Amino acid sequence: MIEDTYGQQHVKLPAGHLVLYPATSIHHVTPVTRGARVSSFFWMQSMVRDDGQRAMLFKLDGRIRQVAQQMGQEHDAVIGLTGVYPNLLRRWADA
């Protein structure tokens, strides 16, 4: 179970899969009832430090994908939006 700003998320994945979540999240791991749990932990750092800016980039990316699916990759709106995302990323990324 992972608890963050979006509420509680119960995650159960097949063996060999992984889950990524922000370090600010609270998590709880249930006991193994069969077999063995082998775990690996690592930390990543975003190029964009501000949580709000990262959230905006995430939403923008989702909308770009949605528009691209509806209108096609070559539509002017998709091309224009696709140019905004990397520009915001460069502007907000830690140098």
PDB file of N, CA and C in Angstrom:
ATOM      1  N   MET A   1       0.847  -1.160   0.000  1.00  0.00           N
ATOM      2  CA  MET A   1       0.000   0.000   0.000  1.00  0.00           C
ATOM      3  C   MET A   1       0.899   1.232   0.000  1.00  0.00           C
ATOM      4  N   ILE A   2       0.573   2.176  -0.867  1.00  0.00           N
ATOM      5  CA  ILE A   2       1.301   3.437  -0.948  1.00  0.00           C
ATOM      6  C   ILE A   2       0.299   4.551  -0.696  1.00  0.00           C
ATOM      7  N   GLU A   3       0.642   5.455   0.219  1.00  0.00           N
ATOM      8  CA  GLU A   3      -0.241   6.577   0.528  1.00  0.00           C
ATOM      9  C   GLU A   3       0.484   7.863   0.179  1.00  0.00           C
ATOM     10  N   ASP A   4      -0.149   8.671  -0.683  1.00  0.00           N
ATOM     11  CA  ASP A   4       0.438   9.953  -1.062  1.00  0.00           C
ATOM     12  C   ASP A   4      -0.670  10.976  -1.247  1.00  0.00           C
ATOM     13  N   THR A   5      -0.393  12.048  -1.942  1.00  0.00           N
ATOM     14  CA  THR A   5      -1.393  13.103  -2.115  1.00  0.00           C
ATOM     15  C   THR A   5      -2.612  12.637  -2.891  1.00  0.00           C
ATOM     16  N   TYR A   6      -2.514  11.508  -3.592  1.00  0.00           N
ATOM     17  CA  TYR A   6      -3.632  10.975  -4.374  1.00  0.00           C
ATOM     18  C   TYR A   6      -4.419   9.929  -3.601  1.00  0.00           C
ATOM     19  N   GLY A   7      -4.100   9.723  -2.331  1.00  0.00           N
ATOM     20  CA  GLY A   7      -4.797   8.744  -1.518  1.00  0.00           C
ATOM     21  C   GLY A   7      -4.021   7.451  -1.403  1.00  0.00           C
ATOM     22  N   GLN A   8      -4.701   6.408  -0.961  1.00  0.00           N
ATOM     23  CA  GLN A   8      -4.071   5.094  -0.798  1.00  0.00           C
ATOM     24  C   GLN A   8      -4.190   4.285  -2.084  1.00  0.00           C
ATOM     25  N   GLN A   9      -3.096   3.709  -2.487  1.00  0.00           N
ATOM     26  CA  GLN A   9      -3.060   2.853  -3.671  1.00  0.00           C
ATOM     27  C   GLN A   9      -2.586   1.471  -3.235  1.00  0.00           C
ATOM     28  N   HIS A  10      -3.406   0.467  -3.455  1.00  0.00           N
ATOM     29  CA  HIS A  10      -3.010  -0.901  -3.140  1.00  0.00           C
ATOM     30  C   HIS A  10      -2.396  -1.499  -4.405  1.00  0.00           C
ATOM     31  N   VAL A  11      -1.157  -1.959  -4.294  1.00  0.00           N
ATOM     32  CA  VAL A  11      -0.410  -2.444  -5.451  1.00  0.00           C
ATOM     33  C   VAL A  11      -0.032  -3.895  -5.229  1.00  0.00           C
ATOM     34  N   LYS A  12      -0.394  -4.756  -6.175  1.00  0.00           N
ATOM     35  CA  LYS A  12       0.047  -6.148  -6.159  1.00  0.00           C
ATOM     36  C   LYS A  12       0.396  -6.492  -7.597  1.00  0.00           C
ATOM     37  N   LEU A  13       1.664  -6.652  -7.842  1.00  0.00           N
ATOM     38  CA  LEU A  13       2.155  -6.906  -9.187  1.00  0.00           C
ATOM     39  C   LEU A  13       2.694  -8.323  -9.304  1.00  0.00           C
ATOM     40  N   PRO A  14       2.773  -8.834 -10.520  1.00  0.00           N
ATOM     41  CA  PRO A  14       3.374 -10.157 -10.720  1.00  0.00           C
ATOM     42  C   PRO A  14       4.868 -10.142 -10.350  1.00  0.00           C
ATOM     43  N   ALA A  15       5.403 -11.300 -10.076  1.00  0.00           N
ATOM     44  CA  ALA A  15       6.832 -11.426  -9.760  1.00  0.00           C
ATOM     45  C   ALA A  15       7.665 -10.822 -10.874  1.00  0.00           C
ATOM     46  N   GLY A  16       8.714 -10.105 -10.493  1.00  0.00           N
ATOM     47  CA  GLY A  16       9.610  -9.505 -11.463  1.00  0.00           C
ATOM     48  C   GLY A  16       9.233  -8.086 -11.862  1.00  0.00           C
ATOM     49  N   HIS A  17       8.090  -7.577 -11.412  1.00  0.00           N
ATOM     50  CA  HIS A  17       7.665  -6.220 -11.727  1.00  0.00           C
ATOM     51  C   HIS A  17       8.127  -5.259 -10.631  1.00  0.00           C
ATOM     52  N   LEU A  18       8.031  -3.979 -10.898  1.00  0.00           N
ATOM     53  CA  LEU A  18       8.425  -2.993  -9.904  1.00  0.00           C
ATOM     54  C   LEU A  18       7.422  -1.878  -9.831  1.00  0.00           C
ATOM     55  N   VAL A  19       7.487  -1.123  -8.763  1.00  0.00           N
ATOM     56  CA  VAL A  19       6.626   0.036  -8.588  1.00  0.00           C
ATOM     57  C   VAL A  19       7.513   1.212  -8.188  1.00  0.00           C
ATOM     58  N   LEU A  20       7.231   2.373  -8.780  1.00  0.00           N
ATOM     59  CA  LEU A  20       7.953   3.598  -8.453  1.00  0.00           C
ATOM     60  C   LEU A  20       6.978   4.558  -7.793  1.00  0.00           C
ATOM     61  N   TYR A  21       7.436   5.222  -6.747  1.00  0.00           N
ATOM     62  CA  TYR A  21       6.594   6.202  -6.085  1.00  0.00           C
ATOM     63  C   TYR A  21       7.486   7.233  -5.416  1.00  0.00           C
ATOM     64  N   PRO A  22       6.947   8.438  -5.172  1.00  0.00           N
ATOM     65  CA  PRO A  22       7.755   9.499  -4.572  1.00  0.00           C
ATOM     66  C   PRO A  22       8.230   9.142  -3.165  1.00  0.00           C
ATOM     67  N   ALA A  23       9.401   9.603  -2.830  1.00  0.00           N
ATOM     68  CA  ALA A  23       9.972   9.325  -1.506  1.00  0.00           C
ATOM     69  C   ALA A  23       9.154   9.976  -0.392  1.00  0.00           C
ATOM     70  N   THR A  24       8.325  10.942  -0.735  1.00  0.00           N
ATOM     71  CA  THR A  24       7.477  11.585   0.266  1.00  0.00           C
ATOM     72  C   THR A  24       6.258  10.739   0.619  1.00  0.00           C
ATOM     73  N   SER A  25       6.039   9.640  -0.096  1.00  0.00           N
ATOM     74  CA  SER A  25       4.902   8.755   0.153  1.00  0.00           C
ATOM     75  C   SER A  25       5.178   7.837   1.339  1.00  0.00           C
ATOM     76  N   ILE A  26       4.115   7.472   2.000  1.00  0.00           N
ATOM     77  CA  ILE A  26       4.184   6.473   3.068  1.00  0.00           C
ATOM     78  C   ILE A  26       3.851   5.134   2.429  1.00  0.00           C
ATOM     79  N   HIS A  27       4.610   4.100   2.773  1.00  0.00           N
ATOM     80  CA  HIS A  27       4.297   2.799   2.201  1.00  0.00           C
ATOM     81  C   HIS A  27       4.288   1.731   3.291  1.00  0.00           C
ATOM     82  N   HIS A  28       3.600   0.659   2.978  1.00  0.00           N
ATOM     83  CA  HIS A  28       3.486  -0.471   3.900  1.00  0.00           C
ATOM     84  C   HIS A  28       3.566  -1.741   3.066  1.00  0.00           C
ATOM     85  N   VAL A  29       4.384  -2.677   3.517  1.00  0.00           N
ATOM     86  CA  VAL A  29       4.544  -3.945   2.811  1.00  0.00           C
ATOM     87  C   VAL A  29       3.924  -5.044   3.666  1.00  0.00           C
ATOM     88  N   THR A  30       3.075  -5.868   3.053  1.00  0.00           N
ATOM     89  CA  THR A  30       2.433  -6.955   3.789  1.00  0.00           C
ATOM     90  C   THR A  30       3.379  -8.147   3.891  1.00  0.00           C
ATOM     91  N   PRO A  31       3.205  -8.978   4.902  1.00  0.00           N
ATOM     92  CA  PRO A  31       4.070 -10.149   5.063  1.00  0.00           C
ATOM     93  C   PRO A  31       3.925 -11.129   3.900  1.00  0.00           C
ATOM     94  N   VAL A  32       4.994 -11.832   3.616  1.00  0.00           N
ATOM     95  CA  VAL A  32       4.987 -12.874   2.583  1.00  0.00           C
ATOM     96  C   VAL A  32       4.283 -14.096   3.157  1.00  0.00           C
ATOM     97  N   THR A  33       3.297 -14.621   2.431  1.00  0.00           N
ATOM     98  CA  THR A  33       2.569 -15.803   2.908  1.00  0.00           C
ATOM     99  C   THR A  33       3.018 -17.069   2.201  1.00  0.00           C
ATOM    100  N   ARG A  34       3.706 -16.912   1.052  1.00  0.00           N
ATOM    101  CA  ARG A  34       4.175 -18.049   0.276  1.00  0.00           C
ATOM    102  C   ARG A  34       5.463 -17.653  -0.436  1.00  0.00           C
ATOM    103  N   GLY A  35       6.442 -18.516  -0.475  1.00  0.00           N
ATOM    104  CA  GLY A  35       7.676 -18.218  -1.191  1.00  0.00           C
ATOM    105  C   GLY A  35       8.546 -17.231  -0.440  1.00  0.00           C
ATOM    106  N   ALA A  36       9.312 -16.437  -1.193  1.00  0.00           N
ATOM    107  CA  ALA A  36      10.235 -15.475  -0.593  1.00  0.00           C
ATOM    108  C   ALA A  36      10.134 -14.150  -1.336  1.00  0.00           C
ATOM    109  N   ARG A  37      10.373 -13.080  -0.630  1.00  0.00           N
ATOM    110  CA  ARG A  37      10.398 -11.756  -1.259  1.00  0.00           C
ATOM    111  C   ARG A  37      11.853 -11.342  -1.403  1.00  0.00           C
ATOM    112  N   VAL A  38      12.231 -11.023  -2.622  1.00  0.00           N
ATOM    113  CA  VAL A  38      13.558 -10.487  -2.891  1.00  0.00           C
ATOM    114  C   VAL A  38      13.346  -9.045  -3.334  1.00  0.00           C
ATOM    115  N   SER A  39      14.017  -8.119  -2.678  1.00  0.00           N
ATOM    116  CA  SER A  39      13.767  -6.708  -2.941  1.00  0.00           C
ATOM    117  C   SER A  39      15.043  -5.979  -3.315  1.00  0.00           C
ATOM    118  N   SER A  40      14.859  -4.926  -4.060  1.00  0.00           N
ATOM    119  CA  SER A  40      15.955  -4.032  -4.409  1.00  0.00           C
ATOM    120  C   SER A  40      15.419  -2.615  -4.260  1.00  0.00           C
ATOM    121  N   PHE A  41      16.206  -1.734  -3.699  1.00  0.00           N
ATOM    122  CA  PHE A  41      15.772  -0.368  -3.459  1.00  0.00           C
ATOM    123  C   PHE A  41      16.742   0.597  -4.108  1.00  0.00           C
ATOM    124  N   PHE A  42      16.216   1.642  -4.676  1.00  0.00           N
ATOM    125  CA  PHE A  42      17.070   2.693  -5.208  1.00  0.00           C
ATOM    126  C   PHE A  42      16.306   4.000  -5.180  1.00  0.00           C
ATOM    127  N   TRP A  43      17.029   5.092  -5.278  1.00  0.00           N
ATOM    128  CA  TRP A  43      16.424   6.408  -5.257  1.00  0.00           C
ATOM    129  C   TRP A  43      16.810   7.142  -6.525  1.00  0.00           C
ATOM    130  N   MET A  44      15.874   7.920  -7.023  1.00  0.00           N
ATOM    131  CA  MET A  44      16.113   8.755  -8.198  1.00  0.00           C
ATOM    132  C   MET A  44      15.832  10.202  -7.803  1.00  0.00           C
ATOM    133  N   GLN A  45      16.439  11.107  -8.517  1.00  0.00           N
ATOM    134  CA  GLN A  45      16.185  12.516  -8.282  1.00  0.00           C
ATOM    135  C   GLN A  45      15.666  13.127  -9.573  1.00  0.00           C
ATOM    136  N   SER A  46      14.585  13.841  -9.471  1.00  0.00           N
ATOM    137  CA  SER A  46      14.011  14.493 -10.644  1.00  0.00           C
ATOM    138  C   SER A  46      14.862  15.687 -11.041  1.00  0.00           C
ATOM    139  N   MET A  47      14.876  15.985 -12.324  1.00  0.00           N
ATOM    140  CA  MET A  47      15.545  17.198 -12.792  1.00  0.00           C
ATOM    141  C   MET A  47      14.741  18.433 -12.401  1.00  0.00           C
ATOM    142  N   VAL A  48      13.440  18.250 -12.118  1.00  0.00           N
ATOM    143  CA  VAL A  48      12.565  19.355 -11.727  1.00  0.00           C
ATOM    144  C   VAL A  48      12.295  19.230 -10.235  1.00  0.00           C
ATOM    145  N   ARG A  49      12.807  20.172  -9.475  1.00  0.00           N
ATOM    146  CA  ARG A  49      12.736  20.102  -8.015  1.00  0.00           C
ATOM    147  C   ARG A  49      11.334  20.366  -7.465  1.00  0.00           C
ATOM    148  N   ASP A  50      10.591  21.280  -8.067  1.00  0.00           N
ATOM    149  CA  ASP A  50       9.301  21.707  -7.538  1.00  0.00           C
ATOM    150  C   ASP A  50       8.197  20.684  -7.831  1.00  0.00           C
ATOM    151  N   ASP A  51       7.496  20.246  -6.776  1.00  0.00           N
ATOM    152  CA  ASP A  51       6.420  19.259  -6.922  1.00  0.00           C
ATOM    153  C   ASP A  51       5.318  19.754  -7.859  1.00  0.00           C
ATOM    154  N   GLY A  52       4.940  21.016  -7.744  1.00  0.00           N
ATOM    155  CA  GLY A  52       3.883  21.570  -8.571  1.00  0.00           C
ATOM    156  C   GLY A  52       4.255  21.599 -10.046  1.00  0.00           C
ATOM    157  N   GLN A  53       5.501  21.946 -10.326  1.00  0.00           N
ATOM    158  CA  GLN A  53       5.959  21.963 -11.714  1.00  0.00           C
ATOM    159  C   GLN A  53       5.996  20.544 -12.291  1.00  0.00           C
ATOM    160  N   ARG A  54       6.445  19.579 -11.489  1.00  0.00           N
ATOM    161  CA  ARG A  54       6.443  18.181 -11.949  1.00  0.00           C
ATOM    162  C   ARG A  54       5.023  17.714 -12.230  1.00  0.00           C
ATOM    163  N   ALA A  55       4.079  18.093 -11.373  1.00  0.00           N
ATOM    164  CA  ALA A  55       2.683  17.709 -11.565  1.00  0.00           C
ATOM    165  C   ALA A  55       2.130  18.314 -12.857  1.00  0.00           C
ATOM    166  N   MET A  56       2.484  19.572 -13.136  1.00  0.00           N
ATOM    167  CA  MET A  56       2.027  20.208 -14.375  1.00  0.00           C
ATOM    168  C   MET A  56       2.601  19.508 -15.601  1.00  0.00           C
ATOM    169  N   LEU A  57       3.871  19.141 -15.545  1.00  0.00           N
ATOM    170  CA  LEU A  57       4.486  18.426 -16.659  1.00  0.00           C
ATOM    171  C   LEU A  57       3.808  17.079 -16.878  1.00  0.00           C
ATOM    172  N   PHE A  58       3.487  16.397 -15.792  1.00  0.00           N
ATOM    173  CA  PHE A  58       2.812  15.103 -15.880  1.00  0.00           C
ATOM    174  C   PHE A  58       1.445  15.262 -16.540  1.00  0.00           C
ATOM    175  N   LYS A  59       0.676  16.258 -16.110  1.00  0.00           N
ATOM    176  CA  LYS A  59      -0.647  16.504 -16.701  1.00  0.00           C
ATOM    177  C   LYS A  59      -0.526  16.904 -18.163  1.00  0.00           C
ATOM    178  N   LEU A  60       0.439  17.761 -18.477  1.00  0.00           N
ATOM    179  CA  LEU A  60       0.644  18.184 -19.861  1.00  0.00           C
ATOM    180  C   LEU A  60       0.969  16.988 -20.744  1.00  0.00           C
ATOM    181  N   ASP A  61       1.842  16.115 -20.266  1.00  0.00           N
ATOM    182  CA  ASP A  61       2.205  14.923 -21.033  1.00  0.00           C
ATOM    183  C   ASP A  61       0.976  14.053 -21.304  1.00  0.00           C
ATOM    184  N   GLY A  62       0.142  13.877 -20.287  1.00  0.00           N
ATOM    185  CA  GLY A  62      -1.077  13.081 -20.468  1.00  0.00           C
ATOM    186  C   GLY A  62      -2.015  13.689 -21.493  1.00  0.00           C
ATOM    187  N   ARG A  63      -2.173  14.997 -21.455  1.00  0.00           N
ATOM    188  CA  ARG A  63      -3.051  15.670 -22.416  1.00  0.00           C
ATOM    189  C   ARG A  63      -2.474  15.620 -23.831  1.00  0.00           C
ATOM    190  N   ILE A  64      -1.156  15.757 -23.945  1.00  0.00           N
ATOM    191  CA  ILE A  64      -0.536  15.651 -25.271  1.00  0.00           C
ATOM    192  C   ILE A  64      -0.810  14.273 -25.860  1.00  0.00           C
ATOM    193  N   ARG A  65      -0.655  13.237 -25.056  1.00  0.00           N
ATOM    194  CA  ARG A  65      -0.930  11.877 -25.537  1.00  0.00           C
ATOM    195  C   ARG A  65      -2.390  11.724 -25.947  1.00  0.00           C
ATOM    196  N   GLN A  66      -3.285  12.309 -25.167  1.00  0.00           N
ATOM    197  CA  GLN A  66      -4.718  12.216 -25.459  1.00  0.00           C
ATOM    198  C   GLN A  66      -5.043  12.919 -26.780  1.00  0.00           C
ATOM    199  N   VAL A  67      -4.538  14.124 -26.962  1.00  0.00           N
ATOM    200  CA  VAL A  67      -4.786  14.874 -28.191  1.00  0.00           C
ATOM    201  C   VAL A  67      -4.172  14.148 -29.381  1.00  0.00           C
ATOM    202  N   ALA A  68      -2.967  13.609 -29.209  1.00  0.00           N
ATOM    203  CA  ALA A  68      -2.304  12.879 -30.291  1.00  0.00           C
ATOM    204  C   ALA A  68      -3.115  11.656 -30.705  1.00  0.00           C
ATOM    205  N   GLN A  69      -3.689  10.977 -29.730  1.00  0.00           N
ATOM    206  CA  GLN A  69      -4.497   9.795 -30.040  1.00  0.00           C
ATOM    207  C   GLN A  69      -5.762  10.185 -30.803  1.00  0.00           C
ATOM    208  N   GLN A  70      -6.357  11.300 -30.441  1.00  0.00           N
ATOM    209  CA  GLN A  70      -7.598  11.730 -31.083  1.00  0.00           C
ATOM    210  C   GLN A  70      -7.365  12.384 -32.444  1.00  0.00           C
ATOM    211  N   MET A  71      -6.270  13.142 -32.577  1.00  0.00           N
ATOM    212  CA  MET A  71      -6.076  13.939 -33.786  1.00  0.00           C
ATOM    213  C   MET A  71      -4.938  13.449 -34.674  1.00  0.00           C
ATOM    214  N   GLY A  72      -4.092  12.587 -34.129  1.00  0.00           N
ATOM    215  CA  GLY A  72      -2.950  12.101 -34.892  1.00  0.00           C
ATOM    216  C   GLY A  72      -1.684  12.868 -34.563  1.00  0.00           C
ATOM    217  N   GLN A  73      -0.556  12.186 -34.653  1.00  0.00           N
ATOM    218  CA  GLN A  73       0.738  12.766 -34.288  1.00  0.00           C
ATOM    219  C   GLN A  73       1.114  13.982 -35.137  1.00  0.00           C
ATOM    220  N   GLU A  74       0.625  14.052 -36.362  1.00  0.00           N
ATOM    221  CA  GLU A  74       1.032  15.118 -37.287  1.00  0.00           C
ATOM    222  C   GLU A  74       0.149  16.360 -37.221  1.00  0.00           C
ATOM    223  N   HIS A  75      -0.873  16.353 -36.370  1.00  0.00           N
ATOM    224  CA  HIS A  75      -1.767  17.502 -36.256  1.00  0.00           C
ATOM    225  C   HIS A  75      -0.994  18.693 -35.672  1.00  0.00           C
ATOM    226  N   ASP A  76      -1.298  19.902 -36.160  1.00  0.00           N
ATOM    227  CA  ASP A  76      -0.597  21.105 -35.706  1.00  0.00           C
ATOM    228  C   ASP A  76      -0.666  21.292 -34.187  1.00  0.00           C
ATOM    229  N   ALA A  77      -1.811  20.985 -33.593  1.00  0.00           N
ATOM    230  CA  ALA A  77      -1.955  21.137 -32.143  1.00  0.00           C
ATOM    231  C   ALA A  77      -1.004  20.212 -31.399  1.00  0.00           C
ATOM    232  N   VAL A  78      -0.871  18.996 -31.872  1.00  0.00           N
ATOM    233  CA  VAL A  78       0.018  18.018 -31.233  1.00  0.00           C
ATOM    234  C   VAL A  78       1.475  18.467 -31.373  1.00  0.00           C
ATOM    235  N   ILE A  79       1.836  18.905 -32.565  1.00  0.00           N
ATOM    236  CA  ILE A  79       3.213  19.364 -32.798  1.00  0.00           C
ATOM    237  C   ILE A  79       3.519  20.573 -31.913  1.00  0.00           C
ATOM    238  N   GLY A  80       2.577  21.499 -31.813  1.00  0.00           N
ATOM    239  CA  GLY A  80       2.783  22.677 -30.972  1.00  0.00           C
ATOM    240  C   GLY A  80       2.922  22.329 -29.504  1.00  0.00           C
ATOM    241  N   LEU A  81       2.029  21.474 -29.007  1.00  0.00           N
ATOM    242  CA  LEU A  81       2.101  21.064 -27.598  1.00  0.00           C
ATOM    243  C   LEU A  81       3.363  20.260 -27.304  1.00  0.00           C
ATOM    244  N   THR A  82       3.760  19.439 -28.248  1.00  0.00           N
ATOM    245  CA  THR A  82       4.958  18.623 -28.059  1.00  0.00           C
ATOM    246  C   THR A  82       6.197  19.505 -27.919  1.00  0.00           C
ATOM    247  N   GLY A  83       6.193  20.683 -28.528  1.00  0.00           N
ATOM    248  CA  GLY A  83       7.308  21.609 -28.380  1.00  0.00           C
ATOM    249  C   GLY A  83       7.321  22.323 -27.041  1.00  0.00           C
ATOM    250  N   VAL A  84       6.156  22.475 -26.416  1.00  0.00           N
ATOM    251  CA  VAL A  84       6.067  23.169 -25.128  1.00  0.00           C
ATOM    252  C   VAL A  84       6.691  22.343 -24.008  1.00  0.00           C
ATOM    253  N   TYR A  85       6.430  21.041 -24.008  1.00  0.00           N
ATOM    254  CA  TYR A  85       6.892  20.167 -22.918  1.00  0.00           C
ATOM    255  C   TYR A  85       8.404  20.247 -22.698  1.00  0.00           C
ATOM    256  N   PRO A  86       9.242  20.012 -23.716  1.00  0.00           N
ATOM    257  CA  PRO A  86      10.685  20.067 -23.452  1.00  0.00           C
ATOM    258  C   PRO A  86      11.173  21.466 -23.093  1.00  0.00           C
ATOM    259  N   ASN A  87      10.490  22.506 -23.590  1.00  0.00           N
ATOM    260  CA  ASN A  87      10.890  23.861 -23.219  1.00  0.00           C
ATOM    261  C   ASN A  87      10.627  24.130 -21.745  1.00  0.00           C
ATOM    262  N   LEU A  88       9.474  23.679 -21.247  1.00  0.00           N
ATOM    263  CA  LEU A  88       9.201  23.809 -19.817  1.00  0.00           C
ATOM    264  C   LEU A  88      10.181  22.982 -18.994  1.00  0.00           C
ATOM    265  N   LEU A  89      10.473  21.783 -19.449  1.00  0.00           N
ATOM    266  CA  LEU A  89      11.422  20.930 -18.738  1.00  0.00           C
ATOM    267  C   LEU A  89      12.785  21.614 -18.640  1.00  0.00           C
ATOM    268  N   ARG A  90      13.261  22.177 -19.733  1.00  0.00           N
ATOM    269  CA  ARG A  90      14.561  22.893 -19.697  1.00  0.00           C
ATOM    270  C   ARG A  90      14.505  24.095 -18.776  1.00  0.00           C
ATOM    271  N   ARG A  91      13.393  24.817 -18.802  1.00  0.00           N
ATOM    272  CA  ARG A  91      13.267  26.022 -17.967  1.00  0.00           C
ATOM    273  C   ARG A  91      13.242  25.678 -16.483  1.00  0.00           C
ATOM    274  N   TRP A  92      12.551  24.588 -16.140  1.00  0.00           N
ATOM    275  CA  TRP A  92      12.363  24.255 -14.731  1.00  0.00           C
ATOM    276  C   TRP A  92      13.425  23.305 -14.176  1.00  0.00           C
ATOM    277  N   ALA A  93      14.203  22.686 -15.022  1.00  0.00           N
ATOM    278  CA  ALA A  93      15.199  21.721 -14.551  1.00  0.00           C
ATOM    279  C   ALA A  93      16.333  22.430 -13.828  1.00  0.00           C
ATOM    280  N   ASP A  94      16.832  21.767 -12.800  1.00  0.00           N
ATOM    281  CA  ASP A  94      18.021  22.280 -12.104  1.00  0.00           C
ATOM    282  C   ASP A  94      19.213  22.181 -13.042  1.00  0.00           C
ATOM    283  N   ALA A  95      19.942  23.255 -13.130  1.00  0.00           N
ATOM    284  CA  ALA A  95      21.120  23.261 -14.018  1.00  0.00           C
ATOM    285  C   ALA A  95      22.326  22.663 -13.325  1.00  0.00           C
TER     286      ALA A  95
END
